Protein backbone atom coordinates (compact mmCIF):
# COMPACT_ATOMS: atom_id res chain seq x y z
CA MET A 1 70.70 193.54 187.01
CA ASN A 2 70.19 191.52 183.80
CA LYS A 3 72.91 190.02 181.65
CA LEU A 4 72.47 192.59 178.86
CA VAL A 5 73.12 195.53 181.19
CA ILE A 6 76.12 193.76 182.74
CA SER A 7 77.52 193.02 179.27
CA ASN A 8 77.11 196.67 178.25
CA ILE A 9 78.86 197.91 181.39
CA LEU A 10 81.72 195.41 181.31
CA THR A 11 82.45 195.89 177.60
CA THR A 12 82.49 199.66 178.14
CA TYR A 13 85.12 199.18 180.86
CA LEU A 14 87.17 196.73 178.80
CA SER A 15 87.01 198.89 175.68
CA ARG A 16 88.28 201.98 177.50
CA ILE A 17 91.01 200.04 179.28
CA TRP A 18 92.23 198.49 176.03
CA ILE A 19 92.26 201.74 174.04
CA GLY A 20 93.90 203.48 177.00
CA LEU A 21 96.70 200.90 177.10
CA VAL A 22 97.26 201.00 173.34
CA SER A 23 97.38 204.82 173.44
CA LEU A 24 99.72 204.69 176.42
CA PHE A 25 102.35 202.86 174.38
CA SER A 26 101.71 204.58 171.03
CA ILE A 27 101.75 208.27 171.99
CA PRO A 28 105.46 208.42 173.04
CA TYR A 29 106.45 206.70 169.78
CA LEU A 30 104.35 209.12 167.70
CA ILE A 31 105.88 212.11 169.50
CA ARG A 32 109.42 210.83 168.92
CA LYS A 33 108.82 210.07 165.24
CA LEU A 34 106.78 213.16 164.35
CA GLY A 35 108.45 215.64 166.68
CA VAL A 36 106.67 217.89 169.14
CA ASP A 37 105.62 220.47 166.50
CA ALA A 38 104.17 217.94 164.06
CA TYR A 39 102.44 216.02 166.84
CA GLY A 40 100.88 219.33 167.90
CA VAL A 41 99.41 219.71 164.40
CA PHE A 42 98.06 216.16 164.58
CA SER A 43 96.57 216.98 168.02
CA LEU A 44 94.65 219.90 166.50
CA SER A 45 93.02 217.48 164.05
CA LEU A 46 91.95 215.22 166.92
CA ILE A 47 90.61 218.23 168.83
CA PHE A 48 88.36 219.31 165.94
CA ILE A 49 87.11 215.74 165.51
CA GLY A 50 86.43 215.66 169.26
CA TYR A 51 84.46 218.89 168.99
CA SER A 52 82.33 217.34 166.26
CA ALA A 53 80.36 215.56 168.99
CA LEU A 54 78.88 218.98 169.78
CA PHE A 55 77.58 219.56 166.27
CA ASP A 56 74.45 217.42 166.65
CA PHE A 57 73.09 220.03 169.09
CA GLY A 58 72.18 217.45 171.68
CA LEU A 59 70.02 215.36 169.36
CA GLY A 60 71.98 212.23 170.23
CA ARG A 61 70.79 212.07 173.84
CA GLY A 62 67.16 212.60 172.78
CA ILE A 63 67.43 210.10 169.92
CA VAL A 64 68.69 207.41 172.33
CA LYS A 65 65.72 208.08 174.62
CA TYR A 66 62.99 208.01 171.99
CA ILE A 67 64.40 205.16 169.92
CA ALA A 68 64.52 203.03 173.06
CA GLU A 69 60.88 203.91 173.81
CA TYR A 70 59.62 203.37 170.25
CA HIS A 71 61.51 200.07 170.04
CA VAL A 72 60.01 198.75 173.27
CA LEU A 73 56.51 199.92 172.28
CA ASN A 74 57.02 198.53 168.75
CA ASN A 75 55.93 201.88 167.30
CA LEU A 76 57.53 201.39 163.89
CA GLU A 77 55.91 204.44 162.29
CA LYS A 78 57.40 206.91 164.79
CA LEU A 79 60.69 205.03 164.75
CA ARG A 80 61.01 205.39 160.97
CA LYS A 81 60.02 209.07 161.00
CA LEU A 82 62.55 209.90 163.70
CA ILE A 83 65.48 208.06 162.09
CA ARG A 84 64.77 209.35 158.58
CA SER A 85 64.44 212.94 159.79
CA ALA A 86 67.50 212.68 162.01
CA LEU A 87 69.58 211.23 159.16
CA LEU A 88 68.71 214.18 156.95
CA VAL A 89 69.56 216.65 159.72
CA TYR A 90 72.86 214.91 160.50
CA LEU A 91 73.91 214.89 156.85
CA ILE A 92 73.18 218.61 156.54
CA ILE A 93 75.16 219.32 159.73
CA GLY A 94 78.05 217.17 158.51
CA ILE A 95 78.28 218.94 155.15
CA ALA A 96 77.93 222.38 156.73
CA SER A 97 80.63 221.59 159.33
CA SER A 98 82.97 220.36 156.60
CA VAL A 99 82.49 223.49 154.50
CA ILE A 100 82.95 225.85 157.46
CA LEU A 101 86.17 224.22 158.66
CA GLY A 102 87.50 224.08 155.09
CA LEU A 103 86.79 227.77 154.51
CA PHE A 104 88.38 228.80 157.80
CA THR A 105 91.48 226.62 157.43
CA TYR A 106 93.60 229.38 155.87
CA PHE A 107 92.58 231.83 158.58
CA LEU A 108 93.17 229.36 161.42
CA LEU A 109 96.62 228.35 160.22
CA GLY A 110 97.73 231.80 159.18
CA LYS A 111 96.28 233.98 161.93
CA ILE A 112 95.30 231.86 164.95
CA PHE A 113 97.67 228.93 165.47
CA HIS A 114 101.46 229.30 165.54
CA ILE A 115 102.42 226.73 162.90
CA PRO A 116 106.15 226.62 161.98
CA THR A 117 106.85 227.49 158.35
CA PHE A 118 108.23 224.05 157.53
CA LEU A 119 104.91 222.48 158.64
CA ALA A 120 102.56 224.97 156.93
CA ALA A 121 101.81 222.86 153.83
CA ASP A 122 101.37 219.66 155.83
CA ALA A 123 99.13 221.42 158.36
CA SER A 124 96.88 222.68 155.53
CA THR A 125 96.50 219.12 154.25
CA VAL A 126 95.68 217.91 157.77
CA PHE A 127 92.94 220.50 158.21
CA TYR A 128 91.35 219.94 154.79
CA LEU A 129 91.31 216.18 155.36
CA THR A 130 89.77 216.70 158.79
CA SER A 131 87.06 218.91 157.29
CA LEU A 132 86.20 216.26 154.69
CA TYR A 133 86.03 213.57 157.36
CA LEU A 134 83.33 215.53 159.20
CA ILE A 135 80.88 214.74 156.38
CA ILE A 136 80.66 211.14 157.59
CA ARG A 137 81.79 211.69 161.19
CA ILE A 138 78.59 213.60 162.09
CA PRO A 139 76.14 210.99 160.66
CA GLN A 140 78.22 208.33 162.42
CA LEU A 141 77.09 209.87 165.73
CA LEU A 142 73.49 209.11 164.72
CA PHE A 143 74.22 205.43 164.01
CA GLN A 144 75.95 205.14 167.38
CA ALA A 145 72.89 206.68 169.08
CA ILE A 146 70.64 204.16 167.34
CA SER A 147 72.79 201.27 168.57
CA ILE A 148 72.64 202.59 172.14
CA GLY A 149 68.87 203.04 171.90
CA TYR A 150 68.57 199.39 170.86
CA GLN A 151 70.74 198.39 173.85
CA LYS A 152 73.42 196.95 171.56
CA ILE A 153 76.16 198.79 173.43
CA TYR A 154 78.30 195.69 173.88
CA LEU A 155 78.43 195.11 170.11
CA LEU A 156 78.99 198.81 169.45
CA ASN A 157 81.88 198.77 171.92
CA LEU A 158 83.42 195.80 170.11
CA LEU A 159 83.13 197.49 166.70
CA ASN A 160 84.50 200.82 167.94
CA THR A 161 87.36 199.13 169.78
CA ILE A 162 88.45 197.22 166.68
CA PHE A 163 88.56 200.29 164.45
CA ASN A 164 90.02 202.65 167.05
CA THR A 165 92.78 200.11 167.63
CA LEU A 166 93.37 199.92 163.89
CA LYS A 167 93.70 203.70 163.73
CA ILE A 168 96.32 203.75 166.47
CA LEU A 169 98.33 200.82 165.11
CA ALA A 170 98.14 202.16 161.57
CA SER A 171 99.33 205.58 162.76
CA VAL A 172 102.34 203.95 164.39
CA ALA A 173 103.09 201.99 161.22
CA VAL A 174 102.75 205.04 158.98
CA VAL A 175 105.10 207.28 160.99
CA SER A 176 107.70 204.53 160.86
CA PHE A 177 107.98 205.09 157.09
CA ALA A 178 106.60 208.62 156.61
CA PRO A 179 106.79 210.82 159.75
CA GLU A 180 104.32 213.45 158.54
CA PRO A 181 101.04 214.34 160.28
CA SER A 182 99.16 214.49 156.96
CA LYS A 183 100.03 210.84 156.24
CA VAL A 184 98.73 209.83 159.66
CA VAL A 185 95.48 211.74 159.14
CA ILE A 186 95.01 210.21 155.66
CA THR A 187 95.33 206.77 157.21
CA ASN A 188 92.86 207.62 159.99
CA VAL A 189 90.34 209.00 157.49
CA ILE A 190 90.48 205.84 155.35
CA ILE A 191 89.96 203.63 158.40
CA GLY A 192 87.22 206.02 159.55
CA VAL A 193 85.35 205.56 156.27
CA VAL A 194 85.53 201.76 156.57
CA HIS A 195 84.39 202.08 160.21
CA PHE A 196 81.40 204.13 159.06
CA VAL A 197 80.41 201.51 156.45
CA PHE A 198 80.57 198.66 158.98
CA LEU A 199 78.56 200.68 161.52
CA TYR A 200 75.95 201.48 158.88
CA LEU A 201 75.56 197.80 157.95
CA PHE A 202 75.41 196.83 161.64
CA VAL A 203 72.66 199.37 162.39
CA GLU A 204 70.68 198.56 159.26
CA LYS A 205 70.29 194.95 160.41
CA GLN A 206 68.76 196.11 163.71
CA LEU A 207 66.12 198.36 162.11
CA PRO A 208 62.86 197.52 160.35
CA PRO A 209 63.07 197.38 156.52
CA LYS A 210 63.24 200.68 154.61
CA THR A 211 64.03 202.71 157.72
CA ILE A 212 67.29 204.35 156.65
CA GLU A 213 65.93 206.76 154.09
CA LEU A 214 65.89 210.54 153.83
CA SER A 215 62.75 212.49 154.76
CA TYR A 216 61.79 215.17 157.26
CA ASP A 217 59.11 215.09 159.92
CA LYS A 218 59.02 218.34 161.88
CA GLU A 219 57.06 216.84 164.78
CA SER A 220 59.63 214.08 165.39
CA ILE A 221 62.60 216.47 165.45
CA SER A 222 60.75 219.03 167.57
CA GLU A 223 59.91 216.40 170.17
CA VAL A 224 63.53 215.33 170.45
CA LEU A 225 64.80 218.92 170.55
CA LYS A 226 62.56 219.80 173.48
CA TYR A 227 64.29 217.14 175.50
CA SER A 228 67.78 217.70 174.14
CA ILE A 229 68.34 221.43 173.97
CA LYS A 230 69.07 221.98 177.66
CA SER A 231 71.24 218.91 178.04
CA PHE A 232 73.07 219.94 174.87
CA THR A 233 73.80 223.36 176.33
CA ALA A 234 75.13 221.84 179.55
CA ASP A 235 77.16 219.18 177.72
CA SER A 236 78.55 221.75 175.28
CA LEU A 237 79.80 223.95 178.08
CA GLY A 238 81.40 220.90 179.69
CA MET A 239 83.17 219.96 176.45
CA ILE A 240 84.30 223.56 175.96
CA ILE A 241 85.92 223.45 179.39
CA THR A 242 87.64 220.18 178.44
CA TYR A 243 88.97 221.26 175.04
CA LEU A 244 89.26 225.04 175.38
CA ASP A 245 92.62 224.90 177.13
CA LYS A 246 94.24 223.25 174.10
CA ILE A 247 92.81 225.84 171.73
CA ILE A 248 94.13 228.65 173.95
CA ILE A 249 97.58 227.05 174.02
CA GLY A 250 97.55 226.79 170.23
CA ILE A 251 96.70 230.50 169.97
CA PHE A 252 99.07 232.00 172.54
CA LEU A 253 102.02 229.58 172.68
CA PRO A 254 104.28 227.75 170.19
CA ILE A 255 102.68 224.62 168.76
CA SER A 256 105.25 222.48 170.61
CA SER A 257 103.66 223.62 173.89
CA LEU A 258 100.46 221.90 172.82
CA THR A 259 102.31 218.58 172.75
CA TYR A 260 103.83 219.16 176.20
CA TYR A 261 100.31 219.79 177.50
CA SER A 262 98.25 217.34 175.41
CA ALA A 263 100.31 214.25 176.24
CA PRO A 264 99.93 214.62 180.05
CA PHE A 265 96.27 215.54 179.56
CA GLU A 266 95.73 212.45 177.43
CA LEU A 267 97.47 210.31 180.05
CA THR A 268 95.23 211.45 182.90
CA GLY A 269 92.20 211.90 180.66
CA ARG A 270 91.99 208.19 179.98
CA LEU A 271 91.63 207.59 183.71
CA TRP A 272 88.94 210.16 184.45
CA GLU A 273 87.06 209.16 181.28
CA PHE A 274 87.06 205.61 182.65
CA GLN A 275 85.54 206.89 185.89
CA VAL A 276 83.01 209.04 184.05
CA SER A 277 81.88 206.10 181.92
CA ALA A 278 81.44 204.02 185.07
CA VAL A 279 79.29 206.70 186.65
CA ALA A 280 77.22 207.14 183.47
CA THR A 281 75.91 203.58 183.77
CA THR A 282 74.07 204.59 186.97
CA PHE A 283 71.93 207.24 185.23
CA PRO A 284 68.92 204.92 184.68
CA ALA A 285 69.01 203.87 188.35
CA PHE A 286 69.06 207.47 189.60
CA SER A 287 66.25 208.39 187.21
CA GLY A 288 64.16 205.42 188.30
CA TYR A 289 64.58 206.18 192.00
CA HIS A 290 63.67 209.83 191.42
CA ALA A 291 60.60 208.97 189.32
CA THR A 292 59.26 206.51 191.90
CA GLY A 293 60.09 208.69 194.90
CA ALA A 294 62.55 206.16 196.32
CA LYS A 295 64.51 208.80 198.22
CA GLU A 296 66.36 206.38 200.50
CA GLU A 297 67.66 204.31 197.59
CA PHE A 298 68.57 207.48 195.67
CA ASN A 299 70.58 208.87 198.60
CA LYS A 300 72.27 205.55 199.28
CA LEU A 301 73.37 205.16 195.66
CA TYR A 302 74.72 208.74 195.61
CA LEU A 303 76.78 208.33 198.78
CA GLU A 304 78.11 204.85 197.99
CA LEU A 305 78.94 205.77 194.41
CA THR A 306 80.78 208.90 195.56
CA LYS A 307 82.79 206.94 198.10
CA PHE A 308 83.74 204.25 195.58
CA ILE A 309 84.73 206.73 192.87
CA VAL A 310 86.76 208.90 195.26
CA ILE A 311 88.67 205.88 196.57
CA ILE A 312 89.79 204.97 193.05
CA SER A 313 90.34 208.53 191.81
CA ALA A 314 92.32 209.65 194.86
CA PHE A 315 94.90 206.92 194.32
CA PHE A 316 95.57 207.79 190.68
CA SER A 317 95.52 211.56 191.27
CA SER A 318 98.09 211.16 194.06
CA LEU A 319 100.17 208.74 191.98
CA PHE A 320 100.40 211.02 188.94
CA CYS A 321 101.04 214.06 191.11
CA VAL A 322 103.87 212.59 193.20
CA PHE A 323 105.52 210.58 190.40
CA SER A 324 104.84 213.00 187.52
CA ARG A 325 108.50 213.36 186.47
CA GLU A 326 109.24 209.62 186.75
CA ILE A 327 106.12 208.68 184.78
CA LEU A 328 106.87 211.05 181.90
CA THR A 329 110.54 210.09 181.85
CA LEU A 330 109.72 206.40 181.50
CA TRP A 331 106.80 207.06 179.17
CA VAL A 332 108.53 209.50 176.76
CA ASN A 333 112.00 210.68 177.84
CA ALA A 334 113.79 212.87 180.41
CA ASP A 335 113.83 215.98 178.22
CA PHE A 336 110.08 215.79 177.63
CA ALA A 337 109.50 215.17 181.34
CA SER A 338 111.47 218.27 182.33
CA LYS A 339 109.07 220.43 180.28
CA ALA A 340 105.78 218.71 181.12
CA TYR A 341 105.99 217.12 184.58
CA GLN A 342 104.65 220.16 186.45
CA ALA A 343 101.61 220.32 184.16
CA LEU A 344 100.99 216.60 184.71
CA GLY A 345 101.22 217.03 188.48
CA ILE A 346 98.56 219.75 188.36
CA ILE A 347 96.29 218.10 185.79
CA SER A 348 96.39 214.82 187.74
CA TRP A 349 93.89 216.20 190.24
CA GLY A 350 91.42 216.50 187.42
CA ILE A 351 91.00 212.72 187.71
CA LEU A 352 89.42 213.32 191.11
CA THR A 353 87.47 216.51 190.37
CA SER A 354 86.10 215.30 187.02
CA SER A 355 85.01 211.99 188.54
CA ILE A 356 83.10 213.74 191.33
CA LEU A 357 81.52 216.15 188.85
CA SER A 358 80.33 213.23 186.72
CA ILE A 359 78.29 212.03 189.70
CA VAL A 360 76.94 215.55 190.13
CA ALA A 361 75.90 215.66 186.46
CA VAL A 362 74.06 212.33 186.67
CA VAL A 363 72.14 213.54 189.74
CA PHE A 364 71.08 216.82 188.11
CA TYR A 365 70.09 215.14 184.84
CA SER A 366 68.06 212.53 186.70
CA ILE A 367 66.06 215.13 188.67
CA GLY A 368 65.67 217.39 185.62
CA ASN A 369 67.49 220.40 187.11
CA ILE A 370 69.70 221.07 184.08
CA ASN A 371 69.43 224.86 184.38
CA ARG A 372 71.74 224.86 187.38
CA VAL A 373 74.33 222.84 185.45
CA ILE A 374 74.17 225.39 182.62
CA LYS A 375 74.68 228.33 185.00
CA VAL A 376 77.63 226.79 186.82
CA ASN A 377 79.30 225.56 183.62
CA SER A 378 78.88 229.02 182.07
CA PHE A 379 80.67 230.59 185.02
CA CYS A 380 83.45 227.98 184.79
CA VAL A 381 83.96 228.66 181.08
CA PHE A 382 84.19 232.41 181.77
CA PHE A 383 86.67 231.83 184.61
CA HIS A 384 88.74 229.44 182.48
CA ILE A 385 89.05 231.91 179.60
CA ILE A 386 89.94 234.91 181.76
CA PHE A 387 92.44 233.02 183.92
CA CYS A 388 94.23 231.53 180.92
CA ILE A 389 94.44 234.79 179.00
CA ILE A 390 95.86 236.64 182.02
CA PHE A 391 98.48 234.09 183.06
CA ILE A 392 99.36 231.96 180.01
CA THR A 393 102.06 234.27 178.60
CA LYS A 394 103.90 234.35 181.94
CA PHE A 395 103.46 230.80 183.22
CA GLY A 396 102.81 228.89 179.99
CA ILE A 397 101.09 225.50 180.07
CA ASN A 398 101.26 225.38 183.88
CA ALA A 399 98.83 228.31 184.05
CA VAL A 400 96.42 226.45 181.74
CA ALA A 401 96.76 223.31 183.87
CA VAL A 402 95.97 225.29 187.03
CA SER A 403 92.98 226.91 185.34
CA TRP A 404 91.54 223.61 184.10
CA THR A 405 91.93 221.94 187.50
CA ALA A 406 90.52 225.01 189.29
CA THR A 407 87.34 224.89 187.19
CA GLY A 408 86.75 221.39 188.54
CA VAL A 409 87.20 222.58 192.13
CA ILE A 410 84.85 225.52 191.53
CA GLY A 411 82.25 223.20 190.06
CA ILE A 412 82.42 220.92 193.10
CA LEU A 413 82.08 223.88 195.49
CA LEU A 414 79.03 225.19 193.63
CA PHE A 415 77.32 221.84 193.03
CA VAL A 416 77.99 219.47 195.91
CA PRO A 417 76.85 221.60 198.92
CA TRP A 418 73.58 222.31 197.09
CA ILE A 419 72.98 218.60 196.42
CA ASN A 420 73.88 217.65 200.00
CA LYS A 421 71.49 220.21 201.44
CA ASN A 422 68.54 220.15 199.03
CA ILE A 423 68.47 216.56 197.81
CA ILE A 424 70.44 214.20 200.04
CA GLY A 425 70.03 215.95 203.38
CA ILE A 426 73.51 215.39 204.81
CA LYS A 427 76.01 217.83 206.30
CA ASN A 428 78.85 218.97 204.11
CA MET A 429 81.43 218.13 206.78
CA ALA A 430 80.28 214.51 206.84
CA TYR A 431 80.55 214.36 203.06
CA LEU A 432 83.97 216.03 203.11
CA LYS A 433 85.24 213.63 205.77
CA GLU A 434 84.37 210.61 203.61
CA CYS A 435 86.06 212.16 200.57
CA ILE A 436 89.20 213.43 202.28
CA LYS A 437 90.21 210.15 203.94
CA PRO A 438 91.16 208.32 200.71
CA VAL A 439 93.01 211.41 199.44
CA VAL A 440 95.10 211.77 202.61
CA LEU A 441 95.75 208.03 202.81
CA SER A 442 96.89 207.74 199.20
CA LEU A 443 99.10 210.84 199.42
CA LEU A 444 100.81 209.61 202.58
CA ILE A 445 101.55 206.13 201.21
CA ILE A 446 102.74 207.31 197.78
CA SER A 447 104.83 210.16 199.23
CA ALA A 448 106.51 207.74 201.63
CA PHE A 449 107.46 205.41 198.78
CA SER A 450 108.65 208.37 196.73
CA PHE A 451 111.01 209.33 199.57
CA ILE A 452 112.26 205.77 200.04
CA PHE A 453 112.88 205.10 196.34
CA LYS A 454 114.05 208.59 195.39
CA ASN A 455 116.24 208.50 192.24
CA ARG A 456 115.88 204.69 192.04
CA LEU A 457 112.92 204.43 189.67
CA GLN A 458 114.62 204.81 186.30
CA ASN A 459 113.76 201.24 185.30
CA THR A 460 110.25 200.59 183.99
CA PHE A 461 109.89 197.15 185.58
CA ILE A 462 111.08 198.39 188.99
CA PHE A 463 108.67 201.33 188.77
CA ILE A 464 105.72 199.09 187.89
CA ALA A 465 106.63 196.71 190.73
CA VAL A 466 106.75 199.58 193.22
CA ILE A 467 103.37 200.88 192.01
CA MET A 468 101.84 197.42 192.42
CA VAL A 469 103.14 197.24 196.00
CA ILE A 470 101.78 200.72 196.73
CA PHE A 471 98.39 199.81 195.30
CA ALA A 472 98.25 196.59 197.34
CA ILE A 473 99.04 198.47 200.56
CA TYR A 474 96.49 201.17 199.71
CA ALA A 475 93.80 198.57 198.94
CA VAL A 476 94.38 196.76 202.24
CA LEU A 477 94.29 199.99 204.27
CA VAL A 478 91.17 201.16 202.46
CA TRP A 479 89.49 197.84 203.21
CA TYR A 480 90.22 198.05 206.94
CA MET A 481 90.14 201.82 207.52
CA ILE A 482 87.58 203.27 205.09
CA ILE A 483 85.17 200.55 203.94
CA SER A 484 82.40 199.92 206.47
CA ASN A 485 81.32 196.45 207.60
CA LYS A 486 78.05 196.75 205.69
CA GLU A 487 79.92 197.69 202.52
CA LYS A 488 82.25 194.70 202.98
CA GLU A 489 79.29 192.37 203.28
CA TYR A 490 77.69 193.91 200.21
CA PHE A 491 80.86 193.39 198.24
CA LYS A 492 81.22 189.79 199.35
CA LYS A 493 77.62 188.64 199.10
CA VAL A 494 76.25 190.74 196.25
CA LEU A 495 78.98 191.90 193.90
CA LEU A 496 80.97 188.68 193.92
CA LYS A 497 77.90 186.53 193.41
CA GLN A 498 76.28 188.71 190.74
CA VAL A 499 79.26 189.75 188.70
CA ILE A 500 81.97 187.14 189.19
CA LEU A 501 79.69 184.15 189.65
CA LYS A 502 77.15 185.63 187.16
CA ARG A 503 74.12 185.23 189.35
CA ASP A 504 71.42 187.73 188.50
CA ALA A 505 69.66 189.61 191.28
């Protein structure tokens, strides 16, 4: 593994950890200052910006692939045609998205979402500002794809981390003086514009002269679309599953319910996103093994990666499940915890299911079997919608939490046995045994500490100290009870030398 790849991976980890920590401390303050209703309005803005990643129709993945190839082959003509055509397409999509959201704002706020009367004017401002921001947000996705194609991920991570941190800190500063969601969104849009300019200048330096211009080459876009359309469909369905629950809550429940759901989801989401990003770095390895027919290496990577990810995910899923009330009480307050701790306890298992499914996705993308991903994700979306609609009015956000977590379980049941049988060639019971051991171990240890320290974890420092002790015990037991001797040797001789001592393989 060369230094560039290691730098890209490590900066991805560090970036997500840093933003996760900053968000961890900022979200409770924003909720307290804005109030649960106003924070719900702000959450809707973030949701629509999150959905904007879908609006490039999968071009981003294809653009990364072909830019990397054209760059390595030094094919400047095709590189220019692709970027110029893509820029034109992205600008058109950005303008169209902005107009559509702007036109539908009145309908969304008046007919779909339950916005309190006192927030109606501010919510309108939030939505119109969000729609305007999409004009540059969509093209920004193209510049990010170009940076990734040029393998400048470590610099892109640095740039994104700086501006995302500025957005969070500026939001905290703004609500201190003007606790209105529209003021927060205005601040984020201004910083977003500056972020876009810096990203543009950064990308322009990487490209050959006169590359960032507007023109259209049908052949270039068609070539990318052939690769991207299926992965876009699969990715879109996955994002719908991730964000649909919040939209449903906004439609059927008071806007305050969205805050009681979004905050726990954000808390756990940072952890499973961290796992997903770790798994994503293995995609080139899986693809290379599949292309060269290296079945043994492919299978070994799949099994070892699954074991490693489950060991980490099981601990955090168990932790957030068992200590859900204590975590929310210390993070926000006791009143908030009483309304959201059950949802957090349920959603926490999404850390485990989503992490396993990210491995599944990498395997299917690497072997080119995207159709199966589309079919399973389509079924999960259908299940998610029906389940939520039936149970949300009776059980509230807990029903949505159960539905979201259940879609992950269904995905695992439909994906993993097929992979084990048709690709890896191992028995499902052997796979299940390796996955269940960390889950049982973590649950037993954390539950025991919960019983011992019951009603004694009201202090943040005591709680953190207890968690550190639990993690230390879990790590030791995992090392002696779950990690094999071969895996221990690999960790000692390979990982420590390559990563810590920076010795390339």
